[in-house]
Amino acid sequence: RFASSAVGDAAGRAREVQQAYANSHTGVSKMSLERQLEGRGRKVVKERDAATGEERCTDMAKGMAEDQYAEFDQDWNARAAPRLPPHARGAWRTA
């Protein structure tokens, strides 16, 4: 199963994408949140394997170093989040 939702604000050059994936055969599920603001971006992917209980989190960035994540999050919360529409509640699709 797969679900995806994207919202954006062209005037503020902001975009947010939420995705979720689940495979009932392998027991693997993934969720991601990607945010882009004025040439900078951050994507966090969380994975879980139901068979082993293993969980993993991967944090990726574009246009900034790891020590700038907090500043990006503050900019996002102050300038982008208030202007973005809410995500649509999407239906799962069979992958």
C-alpha atoms as a PDB file:
ATOM      1  CA  ARG A   1       0.000   0.000   0.000  1.00  0.00           C
ATOM      2  CA  PHE A   2       1.152   3.534  -0.753  1.00  0.00           C
ATOM      3  CA  ALA A   3      -0.150   6.999   0.111  1.00  0.00           C
ATOM      4  CA  SER A   4       1.248  10.401  -0.799  1.00  0.00           C
ATOM      5  CA  SER A   5       0.206  13.990  -0.229  1.00  0.00           C
ATOM      6  CA  ALA A   6       1.937  17.196  -1.338  1.00  0.00           C
ATOM      7  CA  VAL A   7       1.138  20.828  -0.556  1.00  0.00           C
ATOM      8  CA  GLY A   8       2.966  23.945  -1.628  1.00  0.00           C
ATOM      9  CA  ASP A   9       3.068  27.712  -1.681  1.00  0.00           C
ATOM     10  CA  ALA A  10       4.680  29.008  -4.875  1.00  0.00           C
ATOM     11  CA  ALA A  11       4.834  32.584  -3.581  1.00  0.00           C
ATOM     12  CA  GLY A  12       6.795  31.523  -0.514  1.00  0.00           C
ATOM     13  CA  ARG A  13       8.742  28.858  -2.415  1.00  0.00           C
ATOM     14  CA  ALA A  14       7.708  26.210   0.126  1.00  0.00           C
ATOM     15  CA  ARG A  15       6.646  22.594  -0.379  1.00  0.00           C
ATOM     16  CA  GLU A  16       5.863  19.680   1.924  1.00  0.00           C
ATOM     17  CA  VAL A  17       5.428  16.034   0.896  1.00  0.00           C
ATOM     18  CA  GLN A  18       4.187  13.246   3.170  1.00  0.00           C
ATOM     19  CA  GLN A  19       4.442   9.627   2.020  1.00  0.00           C
ATOM     20  CA  ALA A  20       3.664   6.257   3.583  1.00  0.00           C
ATOM     21  CA  TYR A  21       4.337   2.735   2.311  1.00  0.00           C
ATOM     22  CA  ALA A  22       3.463  -0.638   3.798  1.00  0.00           C
ATOM     23  CA  ASN A  23       4.138  -4.114   2.427  1.00  0.00           C
ATOM     24  CA  SER A  24       2.025  -6.745   4.175  1.00  0.00           C
ATOM     25  CA  HIS A  25       4.094  -9.577   2.663  1.00  0.00           C
ATOM     26  CA  THR A  26       7.449  -8.392   4.013  1.00  0.00           C
ATOM     27  CA  GLY A  27       6.159  -6.511   7.067  1.00  0.00           C
ATOM     28  CA  VAL A  28       8.155  -3.422   6.098  1.00  0.00           C
ATOM     29  CA  SER A  29       6.580   0.004   6.518  1.00  0.00           C
ATOM     30  CA  LYS A  30       8.064   3.409   5.713  1.00  0.00           C
ATOM     31  CA  MET A  31       6.954   6.979   6.310  1.00  0.00           C
ATOM     32  CA  SER A  32       8.631  10.124   5.036  1.00  0.00           C
ATOM     33  CA  LEU A  33       8.267  13.850   5.513  1.00  0.00           C
ATOM     34  CA  GLU A  34      10.030  16.175   3.087  1.00  0.00           C
ATOM     35  CA  ARG A  35      10.108  19.953   3.430  1.00  0.00           C
ATOM     36  CA  GLN A  36      11.630  22.436   0.992  1.00  0.00           C
ATOM     37  CA  LEU A  37      11.974  26.166   1.554  1.00  0.00           C
ATOM     38  CA  GLU A  38      13.808  28.620  -0.701  1.00  0.00           C
ATOM     39  CA  GLY A  39      16.455  26.226  -2.016  1.00  0.00           C
ATOM     40  CA  ARG A  40      16.957  24.327   1.219  1.00  0.00           C
ATOM     41  CA  GLY A  41      15.302  21.063   2.099  1.00  0.00           C
ATOM     42  CA  ARG A  42      15.112  18.262   4.614  1.00  0.00           C
ATOM     43  CA  LYS A  43      13.682  14.761   4.320  1.00  0.00           C
ATOM     44  CA  VAL A  44      13.217  12.321   7.188  1.00  0.00           C
ATOM     45  CA  VAL A  45      12.437   8.669   6.412  1.00  0.00           C
ATOM     46  CA  LYS A  46      11.371   6.273   9.167  1.00  0.00           C
ATOM     47  CA  GLU A  47      11.347   2.538   8.474  1.00  0.00           C
ATOM     48  CA  ARG A  48      10.104  -0.391  10.546  1.00  0.00           C
ATOM     49  CA  ASP A  49      10.426  -4.122   9.948  1.00  0.00           C
ATOM     50  CA  ALA A  50       7.590  -5.882  11.778  1.00  0.00           C
ATOM     51  CA  ALA A  51       9.314  -9.278  11.488  1.00  0.00           C
ATOM     52  CA  THR A  52      12.516  -8.205  13.261  1.00  0.00           C
ATOM     53  CA  GLY A  53      11.277  -5.160  15.177  1.00  0.00           C
ATOM     54  CA  GLU A  54      14.150  -3.165  13.662  1.00  0.00           C
ATOM     55  CA  GLU A  55      13.529   0.563  13.276  1.00  0.00           C
ATOM     56  CA  ARG A  56      15.649   3.006  11.334  1.00  0.00           C
ATOM     57  CA  CYS A  57      15.506   6.764  10.780  1.00  0.00           C
ATOM     58  CA  THR A  58      17.359   8.523   7.954  1.00  0.00           C
ATOM     59  CA  ASP A  59      17.696  12.305   7.840  1.00  0.00           C
ATOM     60  CA  MET A  60      18.784  13.920   4.546  1.00  0.00           C
ATOM     61  CA  ALA A  61      19.390  17.568   3.698  1.00  0.00           C
ATOM     62  CA  LYS A  62      19.761  19.740   0.610  1.00  0.00           C
ATOM     63  CA  GLY A  63      21.443  23.130   0.601  1.00  0.00           C
ATOM     64  CA  MET A  64      22.499  23.036   4.263  1.00  0.00           C
ATOM     65  CA  ALA A  65      24.738  21.250   6.743  1.00  0.00           C
ATOM     66  CA  GLU A  66      23.526  19.128   9.649  1.00  0.00           C
ATOM     67  CA  ASP A  67      24.239  21.915  12.130  1.00  0.00           C
ATOM     68  CA  GLN A  68      21.737  24.116  10.260  1.00  0.00           C
ATOM     69  CA  TYR A  69      18.732  21.765  10.757  1.00  0.00           C
ATOM     70  CA  ALA A  70      17.410  23.672  13.789  1.00  0.00           C
ATOM     71  CA  GLU A  71      17.578  26.994  11.926  1.00  0.00           C
ATOM     72  CA  PHE A  72      15.750  25.449   8.950  1.00  0.00           C
ATOM     73  CA  ASP A  73      13.042  24.058  11.245  1.00  0.00           C
ATOM     74  CA  GLN A  74      12.590  27.496  12.844  1.00  0.00           C
ATOM     75  CA  ASP A  75      12.353  29.161   9.405  1.00  0.00           C
ATOM     76  CA  TRP A  76       9.858  26.501   8.302  1.00  0.00           C
ATOM     77  CA  ASN A  77       7.635  26.953  11.353  1.00  0.00           C
ATOM     78  CA  ALA A  78       7.719  30.752  11.108  1.00  0.00           C
ATOM     79  CA  ARG A  79       7.490  31.337   7.353  1.00  0.00           C
ATOM     80  CA  ALA A  80       6.166  28.249   5.578  1.00  0.00           C
ATOM     81  CA  ALA A  81       3.878  26.269   7.876  1.00  0.00           C
ATOM     82  CA  PRO A  82       1.377  29.115   8.491  1.00  0.00           C
ATOM     83  CA  ARG A  83       0.887  29.617   4.730  1.00  0.00           C
ATOM     84  CA  LEU A  84       0.486  26.017   3.578  1.00  0.00           C
ATOM     85  CA  PRO A  85      -2.917  24.390   3.141  1.00  0.00           C
ATOM     86  CA  PRO A  86      -3.613  21.183   5.089  1.00  0.00           C
ATOM     87  CA  HIS A  87      -2.789  17.842   3.504  1.00  0.00           C
ATOM     88  CA  ALA A  88      -5.624  15.953   1.869  1.00  0.00           C
ATOM     89  CA  ARG A  89      -6.594  12.717   3.541  1.00  0.00           C
ATOM     90  CA  GLY A  90      -5.593  10.277   0.806  1.00  0.00           C
ATOM     91  CA  ALA A  91      -6.660   6.703   0.333  1.00  0.00           C
ATOM     92  CA  TRP A  92      -4.211   3.826   0.349  1.00  0.00           C
ATOM     93  CA  ARG A  93      -3.427   2.336  -3.018  1.00  0.00           C
ATOM     94  CA  THR A  94      -2.292  -1.227  -3.527  1.00  0.00           C
ATOM     95  CA  ALA A  95       1.333  -1.234  -4.635  1.00  0.00           C
END
